[in-house]
């Protein structure tokens, strides 16, 4: 079964570690200068960190995650602007990328980011190893000369735990062998990213647990919906108890409940579905436009998971909920 993360293999005793260290060949090329210049946006690092943290929280242990890098390339200059997650599965302890899933995501982001292209892939973990070479060869079947970005979430160093590589072919023992050559990179930010990173840095540094404006708005909405849920649940319990004969009928209350049900919109109409998505998406477009985020394609990328994350029938109501819309 495909998954967005791969379990990190643990090691056994010290003797096993010595054997592994002896047989695992180096995958790094020595004395090779990078052929391209890389500019990395903070949004990519935040996406990878969020991906890894989510998988670790869901699985209860550190997981290796894999995803795709997208951006722009002009000659020898590459700008990595965004990323998205990839599905993978393990066959005989080897990671296999779900290419069908990639092609589906590629078709989606091409509809929004016509100027962006697939640049390479990312993963998490320590220094590059043969398993990374195995995955890199699969990516080479999709794009020629892909980038490889690796983030080490477990490092204790204060430096940014991100490394970027390109692949080179070297002759070892008379055979052509793929190796990694490390690239130097610079951080490139846009106004929207600087604001977001500064906000995260301030909250992390203070540790005061302050909520952002968006968080406060969502908390207020959650409280209102929670109160509505409790009131609707109370009405529903009364109707059930009346039907069961546990409480006497009160026709006035039942008439008010009946009138309340008929005040609710008919959720199964196509117009409601269209209006639902318009209300969900257009305000975000407006806010991004006012903050000049329209020039940042990274923010538009989240329109895809936004609509898919909406779960029909997740709110308790007194009328039947529609089926999930077919994407």
C-alpha atoms as a PDB file:
ATOM      1  CA  UNK A   1       0.000   0.000   0.000  1.00  0.00           C
ATOM      2  CA  UNK A   2       1.373   3.402  -0.974  1.00  0.00           C
ATOM      3  CA  UNK A   3       2.298   5.852   1.733  1.00  0.00           C
ATOM      4  CA  UNK A   4       3.724   9.342   1.995  1.00  0.00           C
ATOM      5  CA  UNK A   5       6.497   8.217   4.345  1.00  0.00           C
ATOM      6  CA  UNK A   6       8.881   5.311   4.756  1.00  0.00           C
ATOM      7  CA  UNK A   7       9.884   3.963   8.149  1.00  0.00           C
ATOM      8  CA  UNK A   8      13.461   4.705   9.138  1.00  0.00           C
ATOM      9  CA  UNK A   9      15.353   1.471   9.556  1.00  0.00           C
ATOM     10  CA  UNK A  10      16.990   0.990  12.902  1.00  0.00           C
ATOM     11  CA  UNK A  11      20.301  -0.776  13.492  1.00  0.00           C
ATOM     12  CA  UNK A  12      20.915  -3.754  15.652  1.00  0.00           C
ATOM     13  CA  UNK A  13      23.969  -4.264  17.839  1.00  0.00           C
ATOM     14  CA  UNK A  14      27.379  -2.652  17.479  1.00  0.00           C
ATOM     15  CA  UNK A  15      28.688  -5.536  15.369  1.00  0.00           C
ATOM     16  CA  UNK A  16      25.874  -4.969  12.869  1.00  0.00           C
ATOM     17  CA  UNK A  17      26.809  -1.303  12.649  1.00  0.00           C
ATOM     18  CA  UNK A  18      30.443  -2.194  11.953  1.00  0.00           C
ATOM     19  CA  UNK A  19      29.444  -4.583   9.174  1.00  0.00           C
ATOM     20  CA  UNK A  20      27.119  -1.987   7.615  1.00  0.00           C
ATOM     21  CA  UNK A  21      29.824   0.659   7.756  1.00  0.00           C
ATOM     22  CA  UNK A  22      32.229  -1.705   6.039  1.00  0.00           C
ATOM     23  CA  UNK A  23      29.999  -2.751   3.149  1.00  0.00           C
ATOM     24  CA  UNK A  24      28.093   0.463   2.368  1.00  0.00           C
ATOM     25  CA  UNK A  25      30.012   2.229  -0.426  1.00  0.00           C
ATOM     26  CA  UNK A  26      30.396   5.980  -0.585  1.00  0.00           C
ATOM     27  CA  UNK A  27      27.985   7.717  -2.935  1.00  0.00           C
ATOM     28  CA  UNK A  28      29.741  11.095  -2.863  1.00  0.00           C
ATOM     29  CA  UNK A  29      31.975  12.238  -5.699  1.00  0.00           C
ATOM     30  CA  UNK A  30      35.245  13.823  -4.607  1.00  0.00           C
ATOM     31  CA  UNK A  31      36.809  16.860  -6.233  1.00  0.00           C
ATOM     32  CA  UNK A  32      33.723  17.706  -8.308  1.00  0.00           C
ATOM     33  CA  UNK A  33      32.515  21.293  -8.628  1.00  0.00           C
ATOM     34  CA  UNK A  34      28.806  21.941  -8.963  1.00  0.00           C
ATOM     35  CA  UNK A  35      27.588  22.819 -12.439  1.00  0.00           C
ATOM     36  CA  UNK A  36      24.567  24.926 -11.402  1.00  0.00           C
ATOM     37  CA  UNK A  37      23.702  27.720  -8.979  1.00  0.00           C
ATOM     38  CA  UNK A  38      20.748  27.030  -6.664  1.00  0.00           C
ATOM     39  CA  UNK A  39      18.463  29.539  -4.928  1.00  0.00           C
ATOM     40  CA  UNK A  40      16.250  27.898  -2.297  1.00  0.00           C
ATOM     41  CA  UNK A  41      13.040  29.455  -0.960  1.00  0.00           C
ATOM     42  CA  UNK A  42      12.181  29.043   2.760  1.00  0.00           C
ATOM     43  CA  UNK A  43       8.724  27.788   1.769  1.00  0.00           C
ATOM     44  CA  UNK A  44      10.329  24.567   0.535  1.00  0.00           C
ATOM     45  CA  UNK A  45      12.070  23.985   3.863  1.00  0.00           C
ATOM     46  CA  UNK A  46       8.848  24.685   5.766  1.00  0.00           C
ATOM     47  CA  UNK A  47       6.931  22.261   3.533  1.00  0.00           C
ATOM     48  CA  UNK A  48       9.455  19.471   4.096  1.00  0.00           C
ATOM     49  CA  UNK A  49       9.551  20.073   7.849  1.00  0.00           C
ATOM     50  CA  UNK A  50       5.753  20.029   8.014  1.00  0.00           C
ATOM     51  CA  UNK A  51       5.651  16.820   5.941  1.00  0.00           C
ATOM     52  CA  UNK A  52       8.117  15.056   8.244  1.00  0.00           C
ATOM     53  CA  UNK A  53       6.462  16.248  11.470  1.00  0.00           C
ATOM     54  CA  UNK A  54       3.011  15.135  10.284  1.00  0.00           C
ATOM     55  CA  UNK A  55       4.228  11.669   9.342  1.00  0.00           C
ATOM     56  CA  UNK A  56       6.113  11.303  12.615  1.00  0.00           C
ATOM     57  CA  UNK A  57       3.012  12.348  14.568  1.00  0.00           C
ATOM     58  CA  UNK A  58       0.779   9.948  12.644  1.00  0.00           C
ATOM     59  CA  UNK A  59       3.118   6.957  12.851  1.00  0.00           C
ATOM     60  CA  UNK A  60       4.577   7.614  16.301  1.00  0.00           C
ATOM     61  CA  UNK A  61       8.165   7.255  15.090  1.00  0.00           C
ATOM     62  CA  UNK A  62      10.595   9.079  12.747  1.00  0.00           C
ATOM     63  CA  UNK A  63       9.725   8.515   9.107  1.00  0.00           C
ATOM     64  CA  UNK A  64      11.590   9.121   5.877  1.00  0.00           C
ATOM     65  CA  UNK A  65       9.448  11.296   3.609  1.00  0.00           C
ATOM     66  CA  UNK A  66       9.761  11.908  -0.114  1.00  0.00           C
ATOM     67  CA  UNK A  67       8.494  14.733  -2.301  1.00  0.00           C
ATOM     68  CA  UNK A  68       9.012  16.718  -5.488  1.00  0.00           C
ATOM     69  CA  UNK A  69      10.712  20.088  -6.000  1.00  0.00           C
ATOM     70  CA  UNK A  70       9.328  22.644  -8.448  1.00  0.00           C
ATOM     71  CA  UNK A  71      10.616  26.011  -9.581  1.00  0.00           C
ATOM     72  CA  UNK A  72      12.353  27.783 -12.448  1.00  0.00           C
ATOM     73  CA  UNK A  73      15.567  27.193 -14.346  1.00  0.00           C
ATOM     74  CA  UNK A  74      17.334  29.691 -16.565  1.00  0.00           C
ATOM     75  CA  UNK A  75      20.558  28.318 -17.920  1.00  0.00           C
ATOM     76  CA  UNK A  76      22.779  27.396 -14.968  1.00  0.00           C
ATOM     77  CA  UNK A  77      20.615  29.216 -12.429  1.00  0.00           C
ATOM     78  CA  UNK A  78      17.942  27.178 -10.627  1.00  0.00           C
ATOM     79  CA  UNK A  79      15.336  28.621  -8.255  1.00  0.00           C
ATOM     80  CA  UNK A  80      13.543  26.052  -6.076  1.00  0.00           C
ATOM     81  CA  UNK A  81      10.273  27.759  -5.185  1.00  0.00           C
ATOM     82  CA  UNK A  82       7.878  25.098  -3.899  1.00  0.00           C
ATOM     83  CA  UNK A  83       7.359  21.398  -3.301  1.00  0.00           C
ATOM     84  CA  UNK A  84       4.692  18.752  -2.961  1.00  0.00           C
ATOM     85  CA  UNK A  85       4.555  15.321  -1.374  1.00  0.00           C
ATOM     86  CA  UNK A  86       4.992  12.053  -3.261  1.00  0.00           C
ATOM     87  CA  UNK A  87       3.667   8.615  -2.444  1.00  0.00           C
ATOM     88  CA  UNK A  88       6.010   5.651  -2.227  1.00  0.00           C
ATOM     89  CA  UNK A  89       6.118   2.053  -1.093  1.00  0.00           C
ATOM     90  CA  UNK A  90       8.860  -0.388  -0.166  1.00  0.00           C
ATOM     91  CA  UNK A  91       9.694  -3.531  -2.130  1.00  0.00           C
ATOM     92  CA  UNK A  92      12.484  -5.736  -0.747  1.00  0.00           C
ATOM     93  CA  UNK A  93      13.731  -2.815   1.391  1.00  0.00           C
ATOM     94  CA  UNK A  94      13.933  -0.550  -1.672  1.00  0.00           C
ATOM     95  CA  UNK A  95      11.817   2.586  -2.010  1.00  0.00           C
ATOM     96  CA  UNK A  96       9.646   2.733  -5.125  1.00  0.00           C
ATOM     97  CA  UNK A  97       8.067   6.051  -6.130  1.00  0.00           C
ATOM     98  CA  UNK A  98       4.426   6.012  -7.199  1.00  0.00           C
ATOM     99  CA  UNK A  99       4.849   7.593 -10.642  1.00  0.00           C
ATOM    100  CA  UNK A 100       1.133   7.553 -11.407  1.00  0.00           C
ATOM    101  CA  UNK A 101       0.568   9.774  -8.381  1.00  0.00           C
ATOM    102  CA  UNK A 102       3.360  12.096  -9.543  1.00  0.00           C
ATOM    103  CA  UNK A 103       1.878  12.469 -13.026  1.00  0.00           C
ATOM    104  CA  UNK A 104      -1.507  13.300 -11.487  1.00  0.00           C
ATOM    105  CA  UNK A 105       0.027  15.999  -9.278  1.00  0.00           C
ATOM    106  CA  UNK A 106       2.088  17.295 -12.206  1.00  0.00           C
ATOM    107  CA  UNK A 107      -1.049  17.771 -14.270  1.00  0.00           C
ATOM    108  CA  UNK A 108      -2.624  19.683 -11.383  1.00  0.00           C
ATOM    109  CA  UNK A 109       0.222  22.071 -10.649  1.00  0.00           C
ATOM    110  CA  UNK A 110       0.754  22.741 -14.360  1.00  0.00           C
ATOM    111  CA  UNK A 111      -2.769  24.164 -14.483  1.00  0.00           C
ATOM    112  CA  UNK A 112      -1.820  26.767 -11.859  1.00  0.00           C
ATOM    113  CA  UNK A 113       1.958  27.103 -12.268  1.00  0.00           C
ATOM    114  CA  UNK A 114       2.423  27.112 -16.006  1.00  0.00           C
ATOM    115  CA  UNK A 115       5.795  28.806 -15.610  1.00  0.00           C
ATOM    116  CA  UNK A 116       7.128  26.298 -13.050  1.00  0.00           C
ATOM    117  CA  UNK A 117       8.736  22.980 -13.837  1.00  0.00           C
ATOM    118  CA  UNK A 118       9.728  19.813 -12.027  1.00  0.00           C
ATOM    119  CA  UNK A 119      13.316  20.220 -10.799  1.00  0.00           C
ATOM    120  CA  UNK A 120      14.007  17.174  -8.647  1.00  0.00           C
ATOM    121  CA  UNK A 121      13.074  15.531  -5.378  1.00  0.00           C
ATOM    122  CA  UNK A 122      13.617  15.761  -1.637  1.00  0.00           C
ATOM    123  CA  UNK A 123      13.855  13.379   1.274  1.00  0.00           C
ATOM    124  CA  UNK A 124      14.860  13.394   4.936  1.00  0.00           C
ATOM    125  CA  UNK A 125      17.637  11.634   6.813  1.00  0.00           C
ATOM    126  CA  UNK A 126      21.386  11.656   7.290  1.00  0.00           C
ATOM    127  CA  UNK A 127      24.120  11.750   4.646  1.00  0.00           C
ATOM    128  CA  UNK A 128      23.256  10.373   1.181  1.00  0.00           C
ATOM    129  CA  UNK A 129      23.438   6.594   0.858  1.00  0.00           C
ATOM    130  CA  UNK A 130      22.835   3.938  -1.850  1.00  0.00           C
ATOM    131  CA  UNK A 131      19.084   3.989  -1.188  1.00  0.00           C
ATOM    132  CA  UNK A 132      19.062   7.638  -2.285  1.00  0.00           C
ATOM    133  CA  UNK A 133      20.881   6.661  -5.482  1.00  0.00           C
ATOM    134  CA  UNK A 134      18.167   4.058  -6.125  1.00  0.00           C
ATOM    135  CA  UNK A 135      15.400   6.669  -5.798  1.00  0.00           C
ATOM    136  CA  UNK A 136      17.395   9.232  -7.785  1.00  0.00           C
ATOM    137  CA  UNK A 137      17.618   6.838 -10.731  1.00  0.00           C
ATOM    138  CA  UNK A 138      13.815   6.573 -10.712  1.00  0.00           C
ATOM    139  CA  UNK A 139      13.530  10.364 -10.794  1.00  0.00           C
ATOM    140  CA  UNK A 140      16.000  10.450 -13.701  1.00  0.00           C
ATOM    141  CA  UNK A 141      13.407   8.517 -15.701  1.00  0.00           C
ATOM    142  CA  UNK A 142      11.056  11.498 -15.289  1.00  0.00           C
ATOM    143  CA  UNK A 143      13.498  14.383 -15.752  1.00  0.00           C
ATOM    144  CA  UNK A 144      17.074  14.651 -16.925  1.00  0.00           C
ATOM    145  CA  UNK A 145      19.635  15.766 -14.314  1.00  0.00           C
ATOM    146  CA  UNK A 146      17.288  16.275 -11.348  1.00  0.00           C
ATOM    147  CA  UNK A 147      18.270  18.028  -8.141  1.00  0.00           C
ATOM    148  CA  UNK A 148      18.349  16.112  -4.865  1.00  0.00           C
ATOM    149  CA  UNK A 149      17.636  17.925  -1.587  1.00  0.00           C
ATOM    150  CA  UNK A 150      18.085  16.231   1.774  1.00  0.00           C
ATOM    151  CA  UNK A 151      16.983  17.638   5.120  1.00  0.00           C
ATOM    152  CA  UNK A 152      18.224  16.140   8.381  1.00  0.00           C
ATOM    153  CA  UNK A 153      15.540  16.819  11.033  1.00  0.00           C
ATOM    154  CA  UNK A 154      17.488  15.055  13.786  1.00  0.00           C
ATOM    155  CA  UNK A 155      20.685  17.101  13.634  1.00  0.00           C
ATOM    156  CA  UNK A 156      21.833  19.054  16.699  1.00  0.00           C
ATOM    157  CA  UNK A 157      23.817  21.651  14.730  1.00  0.00           C
ATOM    158  CA  UNK A 158      22.770  25.279  14.575  1.00  0.00           C
ATOM    159  CA  UNK A 159      23.412  25.490  10.825  1.00  0.00           C
ATOM    160  CA  UNK A 160      20.571  24.923   8.383  1.00  0.00           C
ATOM    161  CA  UNK A 161      20.350  21.094   8.081  1.00  0.00           C
ATOM    162  CA  UNK A 162      19.721  21.162   4.331  1.00  0.00           C
ATOM    163  CA  UNK A 163      22.016  19.896   1.581  1.00  0.00           C
ATOM    164  CA  UNK A 164      21.487  20.028  -2.179  1.00  0.00           C
ATOM    165  CA  UNK A 165      23.110  17.625  -4.626  1.00  0.00           C
ATOM    166  CA  UNK A 166      23.323  16.855  -8.309  1.00  0.00           C
ATOM    167  CA  UNK A 167      24.275  13.524  -9.839  1.00  0.00           C
ATOM    168  CA  UNK A 168      27.439  12.806 -11.792  1.00  0.00           C
ATOM    169  CA  UNK A 169      28.672   9.695 -13.557  1.00  0.00           C
ATOM    170  CA  UNK A 170      32.116   8.414 -12.582  1.00  0.00           C
ATOM    171  CA  UNK A 171      34.066   5.347 -13.662  1.00  0.00           C
ATOM    172  CA  UNK A 172      34.688   3.058 -10.695  1.00  0.00           C
ATOM    173  CA  UNK A 173      36.332  -0.334 -11.235  1.00  0.00           C
ATOM    174  CA  UNK A 174      35.704   0.016 -14.948  1.00  0.00           C
ATOM    175  CA  UNK A 175      31.962   0.622 -14.532  1.00  0.00           C
ATOM    176  CA  UNK A 176      29.910   3.794 -14.928  1.00  0.00           C
ATOM    177  CA  UNK A 177      28.593   4.654 -11.451  1.00  0.00           C
ATOM    178  CA  UNK A 178      26.179   7.385 -10.377  1.00  0.00           C
ATOM    179  CA  UNK A 179      27.435   9.554  -7.515  1.00  0.00           C
ATOM    180  CA  UNK A 180      26.284  12.732  -5.789  1.00  0.00           C
ATOM    181  CA  UNK A 181      28.112  16.059  -5.924  1.00  0.00           C
ATOM    182  CA  UNK A 182      27.116  18.640  -3.317  1.00  0.00           C
ATOM    183  CA  UNK A 183      25.981  22.059  -4.518  1.00  0.00           C
ATOM    184  CA  UNK A 184      26.186  25.387  -2.764  1.00  0.00           C
ATOM    185  CA  UNK A 185      22.912  27.259  -2.446  1.00  0.00           C
ATOM    186  CA  UNK A 186      21.561  30.598  -1.313  1.00  0.00           C
ATOM    187  CA  UNK A 187      18.252  31.473   0.330  1.00  0.00           C
ATOM    188  CA  UNK A 188      15.868  33.527  -1.789  1.00  0.00           C
ATOM    189  CA  UNK A 189      12.777  35.040  -0.185  1.00  0.00           C
ATOM    190  CA  UNK A 190       9.802  37.084  -1.302  1.00  0.00           C
ATOM    191  CA  UNK A 191       7.828  39.512   0.825  1.00  0.00           C
ATOM    192  CA  UNK A 192       5.094  37.011   1.708  1.00  0.00           C
ATOM    193  CA  UNK A 193       7.659  34.415   2.779  1.00  0.00           C
ATOM    194  CA  UNK A 194       9.591  36.909   4.898  1.00  0.00           C
ATOM    195  CA  UNK A 195       6.415  37.863   6.749  1.00  0.00           C
ATOM    196  CA  UNK A 196       5.484  34.222   7.356  1.00  0.00           C
ATOM    197  CA  UNK A 197       8.952  33.144   8.464  1.00  0.00           C
ATOM    198  CA  UNK A 198       9.289  36.187  10.731  1.00  0.00           C
ATOM    199  CA  UNK A 199       5.911  35.375  12.320  1.00  0.00           C
ATOM    200  CA  UNK A 200       6.941  31.765  12.990  1.00  0.00           C
ATOM    201  CA  UNK A 201      10.338  32.832  14.319  1.00  0.00           C
ATOM    202  CA  UNK A 202       8.818  35.352  16.724  1.00  0.00           C
ATOM    203  CA  UNK A 203       6.314  32.862  18.153  1.00  0.00           C
ATOM    204  CA  UNK A 204       9.006  30.181  18.469  1.00  0.00           C
ATOM    205  CA  UNK A 205      11.451  32.541  20.164  1.00  0.00           C
ATOM    206  CA  UNK A 206       9.009  33.949  22.696  1.00  0.00           C
ATOM    207  CA  UNK A 207       7.303  30.657  23.477  1.00  0.00           C
ATOM    208  CA  UNK A 208       4.385  32.654  24.846  1.00  0.00           C
ATOM    209  CA  UNK A 209       1.809  30.667  22.920  1.00  0.00           C
ATOM    210  CA  UNK A 210       0.323  33.769  21.329  1.00  0.00           C
ATOM    211  CA  UNK A 211      -2.190  33.159  18.577  1.00  0.00           C
ATOM    212  CA  UNK A 212      -2.064  34.796  15.168  1.00  0.00           C
ATOM    213  CA  UNK A 213      -5.009  36.737  13.769  1.00  0.00           C
ATOM    214  CA  UNK A 214      -5.970  33.771  11.613  1.00  0.00           C
ATOM    215  CA  UNK A 215      -5.771  31.409  14.594  1.00  0.00           C
ATOM    216  CA  UNK A 216      -7.977  33.688  16.686  1.00  0.00           C
ATOM    217  CA  UNK A 217     -10.539  33.828  13.874  1.00  0.00           C
ATOM    218  CA  UNK A 218     -10.550  30.038  13.555  1.00  0.00           C
ATOM    219  CA  UNK A 219     -10.882  29.616  17.323  1.00  0.00           C
ATOM    220  CA  UNK A 220     -13.920  31.906  17.317  1.00  0.00           C
ATOM    221  CA  UNK A 221     -15.458  29.923  14.463  1.00  0.00           C
ATOM    222  CA  UNK A 222     -14.740  26.658  16.261  1.00  0.00           C
ATOM    223  CA  UNK A 223     -16.447  27.913  19.429  1.00  0.00           C
ATOM    224  CA  UNK A 224     -19.525  28.993  17.466  1.00  0.00           C
ATOM    225  CA  UNK A 225     -19.754  25.679  15.621  1.00  0.00           C
ATOM    226  CA  UNK A 226     -19.238  23.761  18.861  1.00  0.00           C
ATOM    227  CA  UNK A 227     -22.115  25.650  20.477  1.00  0.00           C
ATOM    228  CA  UNK A 228     -24.327  25.039  17.422  1.00  0.00           C
ATOM    229  CA  UNK A 229     -23.451  21.353  17.591  1.00  0.00           C
ATOM    230  CA  UNK A 230     -24.478  21.109  21.241  1.00  0.00           C
ATOM    231  CA  UNK A 231     -27.802  22.884  20.584  1.00  0.00           C
ATOM    232  CA  UNK A 232     -28.650  20.734  17.562  1.00  0.00           C
ATOM    233  CA  UNK A 233     -27.678  17.606  19.479  1.00  0.00           C
ATOM    234  CA  UNK A 234     -30.028  18.616  22.303  1.00  0.00           C
ATOM    235  CA  UNK A 235     -32.933  19.087  19.868  1.00  0.00           C
ATOM    236  CA  UNK A 236     -32.213  15.753  18.208  1.00  0.00           C
ATOM    237  CA  UNK A 237     -32.123  13.942  21.557  1.00  0.00           C
ATOM    238  CA  UNK A 238     -35.476  15.510  22.507  1.00  0.00           C
ATOM    239  CA  UNK A 239     -37.098  14.390  19.234  1.00  0.00           C
ATOM    240  CA  UNK A 240     -35.776  10.842  19.698  1.00  0.00           C
ATOM    241  CA  UNK A 241     -36.977  10.765  23.303  1.00  0.00           C
ATOM    242  CA  UNK A 242     -40.431  11.995  22.209  1.00  0.00           C
ATOM    243  CA  UNK A 243     -40.676   9.271  19.583  1.00  0.00           C
ATOM    244  CA  UNK A 244     -39.673   6.652  22.151  1.00  0.00           C
ATOM    245  CA  UNK A 245     -42.263   7.916  24.621  1.00  0.00           C
ATOM    246  CA  UNK A 246     -39.631   8.797  27.207  1.00  0.00           C
ATOM    247  CA  UNK A 247     -40.827  12.404  27.457  1.00  0.00           C
ATOM    248  CA  UNK A 248     -44.281  13.899  26.762  1.00  0.00           C
ATOM    249  CA  UNK A 249     -44.926  15.535  23.400  1.00  0.00           C
ATOM    250  CA  UNK A 250     -44.620  19.304  23.317  1.00  0.00           C
ATOM    251  CA  UNK A 251     -46.142  20.350  20.015  1.00  0.00           C
ATOM    252  CA  UNK A 252     -44.799  23.891  20.232  1.00  0.00           C
ATOM    253  CA  UNK A 253     -41.192  22.687  20.551  1.00  0.00           C
ATOM    254  CA  UNK A 254     -41.663  20.138  17.761  1.00  0.00           C
ATOM    255  CA  UNK A 255     -43.105  22.806  15.458  1.00  0.00           C
ATOM    256  CA  UNK A 256     -40.101  25.058  16.121  1.00  0.00           C
ATOM    257  CA  UNK A 257     -37.700  22.177  15.418  1.00  0.00           C
ATOM    258  CA  UNK A 258     -39.593  21.407  12.205  1.00  0.00           C
ATOM    259  CA  UNK A 259     -39.391  25.063  11.144  1.00  0.00           C
ATOM    260  CA  UNK A 260     -35.665  25.109  11.948  1.00  0.00           C
ATOM    261  CA  UNK A 261     -35.062  22.109   9.686  1.00  0.00           C
ATOM    262  CA  UNK A 262     -36.820  23.848   6.806  1.00  0.00           C
ATOM    263  CA  UNK A 263     -34.717  26.981   7.320  1.00  0.00           C
ATOM    264  CA  UNK A 264     -31.542  25.035   6.472  1.00  0.00           C
ATOM    265  CA  UNK A 265     -30.377  25.064   2.824  1.00  0.00           C
ATOM    266  CA  UNK A 266     -30.829  22.011   0.627  1.00  0.00           C
ATOM    267  CA  UNK A 267     -27.275  20.681   0.680  1.00  0.00           C
ATOM    268  CA  UNK A 268     -27.603  18.304  -2.249  1.00  0.00           C
ATOM    269  CA  UNK A 269     -27.944  20.931  -4.984  1.00  0.00           C
ATOM    270  CA  UNK A 270     -25.170  21.679  -7.469  1.00  0.00           C
ATOM    271  CA  UNK A 271     -25.546  25.401  -6.767  1.00  0.00           C
ATOM    272  CA  UNK A 272     -24.772  24.860  -3.092  1.00  0.00           C
ATOM    273  CA  UNK A 273     -21.612  22.920  -3.960  1.00  0.00           C
ATOM    274  CA  UNK A 274     -20.480  25.676  -6.333  1.00  0.00           C
ATOM    275  CA  UNK A 275     -21.188  28.401  -3.781  1.00  0.00           C
ATOM    276  CA  UNK A 276     -19.447  26.359  -1.078  1.00  0.00           C
ATOM    277  CA  UNK A 277     -16.173  26.198  -3.008  1.00  0.00           C
ATOM    278  CA  UNK A 278     -16.467  29.849  -4.088  1.00  0.00           C
ATOM    279  CA  UNK A 279     -16.890  30.988  -0.489  1.00  0.00           C
ATOM    280  CA  UNK A 280     -13.954  28.805   0.596  1.00  0.00           C
ATOM    281  CA  UNK A 281     -11.505  29.847  -2.106  1.00  0.00           C
ATOM    282  CA  UNK A 282     -12.307  33.415  -3.200  1.00  0.00           C
ATOM    283  CA  UNK A 283     -11.692  35.115   0.184  1.00  0.00           C
ATOM    284  CA  UNK A 284      -8.241  33.542   0.288  1.00  0.00           C
ATOM    285  CA  UNK A 285      -7.544  34.771  -3.241  1.00  0.00           C
ATOM    286  CA  UNK A 286      -8.570  38.272  -2.183  1.00  0.00           C
ATOM    287  CA  UNK A 287      -6.368  38.273   0.898  1.00  0.00           C
ATOM    288  CA  UNK A 288      -3.379  36.979  -1.079  1.00  0.00           C
ATOM    289  CA  UNK A 289      -3.955  39.639  -3.728  1.00  0.00           C
ATOM    290  CA  UNK A 290      -4.050  42.468  -1.172  1.00  0.00           C
ATOM    291  CA  UNK A 291      -0.781  41.286   0.350  1.00  0.00           C
ATOM    292  CA  UNK A 292       0.902  41.051  -3.070  1.00  0.00           C
ATOM    293  CA  UNK A 293       1.122  37.323  -2.675  1.00  0.00           C
ATOM    294  CA  UNK A 294      -0.206  36.781  -6.180  1.00  0.00           C
ATOM    295  CA  UNK A 295       3.373  37.137  -7.361  1.00  0.00           C
ATOM    296  CA  UNK A 296       4.341  34.235  -5.135  1.00  0.00           C
ATOM    297  CA  UNK A 297       3.249  30.977  -6.788  1.00  0.00           C
ATOM    298  CA  UNK A 298       3.998  29.118  -3.582  1.00  0.00           C
ATOM    299  CA  UNK A 299       0.813  30.385  -1.956  1.00  0.00           C
ATOM    300  CA  UNK A 300      -1.418  29.425  -4.882  1.00  0.00           C
ATOM    301  CA  UNK A 301      -0.170  25.871  -4.657  1.00  0.00           C
ATOM    302  CA  UNK A 302      -2.281  25.289  -1.563  1.00  0.00           C
ATOM    303  CA  UNK A 303      -5.522  25.722  -3.520  1.00  0.00           C
ATOM    304  CA  UNK A 304      -5.338  22.041  -4.445  1.00  0.00           C
ATOM    305  CA  UNK A 305      -5.315  20.511  -0.946  1.00  0.00           C
ATOM    306  CA  UNK A 306      -7.703  23.248   0.225  1.00  0.00           C
ATOM    307  CA  UNK A 307     -10.696  22.001  -1.743  1.00  0.00           C
ATOM    308  CA  UNK A 308      -9.802  18.347  -1.231  1.00  0.00           C
ATOM    309  CA  UNK A 309      -9.554  18.836   2.525  1.00  0.00           C
ATOM    310  CA  UNK A 310     -13.202  19.869   2.763  1.00  0.00           C
ATOM    311  CA  UNK A 311     -15.065  16.845   4.110  1.00  0.00           C
ATOM    312  CA  UNK A 312     -18.758  16.682   3.274  1.00  0.00           C
ATOM    313  CA  UNK A 313     -21.027  15.668   6.079  1.00  0.00           C
ATOM    314  CA  UNK A 314     -18.462  16.349   8.807  1.00  0.00           C
ATOM    315  CA  UNK A 315     -20.780  18.768  10.628  1.00  0.00           C
ATOM    316  CA  UNK A 316     -23.792  17.409  12.558  1.00  0.00           C
ATOM    317  CA  UNK A 317     -27.006  18.656  10.981  1.00  0.00           C
ATOM    318  CA  UNK A 318     -30.706  17.846  10.994  1.00  0.00           C
ATOM    319  CA  UNK A 319     -30.750  17.128   7.264  1.00  0.00           C
ATOM    320  CA  UNK A 320     -28.936  14.454   5.239  1.00  0.00           C
ATOM    321  CA  UNK A 321     -25.448  15.395   4.084  1.00  0.00           C
ATOM    322  CA  UNK A 322     -24.509  15.042   0.404  1.00  0.00           C
ATOM    323  CA  UNK A 323     -21.988  12.619  -0.917  1.00  0.00           C
ATOM    324  CA  UNK A 324     -18.445  13.830  -1.494  1.00  0.00           C
ATOM    325  CA  UNK A 325     -18.118  15.618  -4.790  1.00  0.00           C
ATOM    326  CA  UNK A 326     -16.201  13.679  -7.403  1.00  0.00           C
ATOM    327  CA  UNK A 327     -12.926  15.526  -8.157  1.00  0.00           C
END
